[in-house]
Amino acid sequence: MAGKKVLATIREDLESRVGQKVRLRANRGRKKILERIGILEKTYPNIFVIRLEEQKNLERRISFSYTDVLTNTVELMVEGDSGYKKLGNAD
């Protein structure tokens, strides 16, 4: 049951940041790391969506589960007064 509370905490943290610019670092496997800047667009019960800022006028959306944040497969950081703050910390 503690796992569900941790995931709920991560979801609440992300819901409070919808619309903000985030720095994304995702481990895609086999030494493939995706590092982009985007906007946290929407949260759903099991996933959240980030709109990536691509070159030219292209928009790309990518989704992840809250479990990805819990297992550190995905790291999200938001810019604050004292630099970047990691989102989704359940500590």
Protein backbone atom coordinates (compact mmCIF):
# COMPACT_ATOMS: atom_id res chain seq x y z
CA MET A 1 0.00 0.00 0.00
CA ALA A 2 2.93 2.34 0.58
CA GLY A 3 3.74 2.14 -3.14
CA LYS A 4 0.37 3.60 -4.06
CA LYS A 5 0.92 6.50 -1.68
CA VAL A 6 4.30 7.23 -3.25
CA LEU A 7 2.80 7.21 -6.74
CA ALA A 8 -0.02 9.48 -5.57
CA THR A 9 2.56 11.90 -4.15
CA ILE A 10 4.46 11.94 -7.44
CA ARG A 11 1.22 12.55 -9.35
CA GLU A 12 0.24 15.44 -7.06
CA ASP A 13 3.68 17.00 -7.47
CA LEU A 14 3.41 16.82 -11.25
CA GLU A 15 -0.21 18.06 -11.30
CA SER A 16 0.87 21.21 -9.50
CA ARG A 17 3.43 21.89 -12.26
CA VAL A 18 1.19 21.51 -15.34
CA GLY A 19 2.03 24.21 -17.86
CA GLN A 20 5.57 24.77 -16.62
CA LYS A 21 8.75 24.27 -18.61
CA VAL A 22 10.66 21.15 -17.58
CA ARG A 23 13.96 19.54 -18.43
CA LEU A 24 13.48 15.88 -19.30
CA ARG A 25 16.08 13.12 -19.09
CA ALA A 26 14.78 9.68 -20.04
CA ASN A 27 16.65 6.40 -20.18
CA ARG A 28 15.38 4.69 -23.33
CA GLY A 29 17.54 1.56 -22.90
CA ARG A 30 20.74 0.34 -24.52
CA LYS A 31 22.67 3.47 -23.62
CA LYS A 32 20.08 5.72 -25.31
CA ILE A 33 19.39 8.80 -23.22
CA LEU A 34 16.78 11.35 -24.32
CA GLU A 35 17.46 14.86 -23.02
CA ARG A 36 15.01 17.57 -24.03
CA ILE A 37 13.23 20.65 -22.77
CA GLY A 38 9.46 20.71 -22.92
CA ILE A 39 6.26 21.72 -21.19
CA LEU A 40 4.36 19.47 -18.80
CA GLU A 41 1.10 19.49 -20.70
CA LYS A 42 -1.37 17.19 -18.96
CA THR A 43 -1.65 14.58 -16.23
CA TYR A 44 -3.92 11.56 -16.35
CA PRO A 45 -4.62 8.85 -13.75
CA ASN A 46 -1.74 6.64 -14.94
CA ILE A 47 0.41 8.79 -17.25
CA PHE A 48 1.56 12.35 -17.89
CA VAL A 49 2.26 14.08 -21.20
CA ILE A 50 5.12 16.40 -22.08
CA ARG A 51 5.12 18.57 -25.21
CA LEU A 52 8.69 18.71 -26.47
CA GLU A 53 10.19 21.80 -28.06
CA GLU A 54 11.60 20.65 -31.37
CA GLN A 55 13.34 22.68 -34.04
CA LYS A 56 11.25 24.63 -36.54
CA ASN A 57 7.49 24.46 -35.99
CA LEU A 58 7.30 20.78 -35.15
CA GLU A 59 5.61 19.68 -31.94
CA ARG A 60 6.07 16.28 -30.42
CA ARG A 61 4.31 14.84 -27.42
CA ILE A 62 5.69 12.05 -25.31
CA SER A 63 4.06 10.26 -22.40
CA PHE A 64 5.43 8.46 -19.37
CA SER A 65 3.96 6.70 -16.38
CA TYR A 66 4.43 7.82 -12.79
CA THR A 67 6.26 4.54 -12.19
CA ASP A 68 8.95 5.72 -14.63
CA VAL A 69 9.61 8.68 -12.32
CA LEU A 70 9.62 6.42 -9.25
CA THR A 71 12.18 4.05 -10.78
CA ASN A 72 14.33 6.95 -12.07
CA THR A 73 13.87 5.88 -15.68
CA VAL A 74 12.64 9.45 -16.22
CA GLU A 75 13.99 12.51 -14.44
CA LEU A 76 12.10 15.79 -14.59
CA MET A 77 13.58 19.07 -13.41
CA VAL A 78 11.91 22.46 -13.22
CA GLU A 79 13.81 25.74 -13.14
CA GLY A 80 13.49 27.63 -9.88
CA ASP A 81 15.15 30.49 -8.03
CA SER A 82 18.10 28.38 -6.93
CA GLY A 83 18.64 26.41 -10.15
CA TYR A 84 16.87 23.24 -11.19
CA LYS A 85 14.73 21.25 -8.78
CA LYS A 86 14.01 17.58 -9.41
CA LEU A 87 10.31 16.77 -9.64
CA GLY A 88 8.63 13.66 -8.37
CA ASN A 89 10.82 13.10 -5.35
CA ALA A 90 8.80 11.06 -2.91
CA ASP A 91 11.28 11.62 -0.09
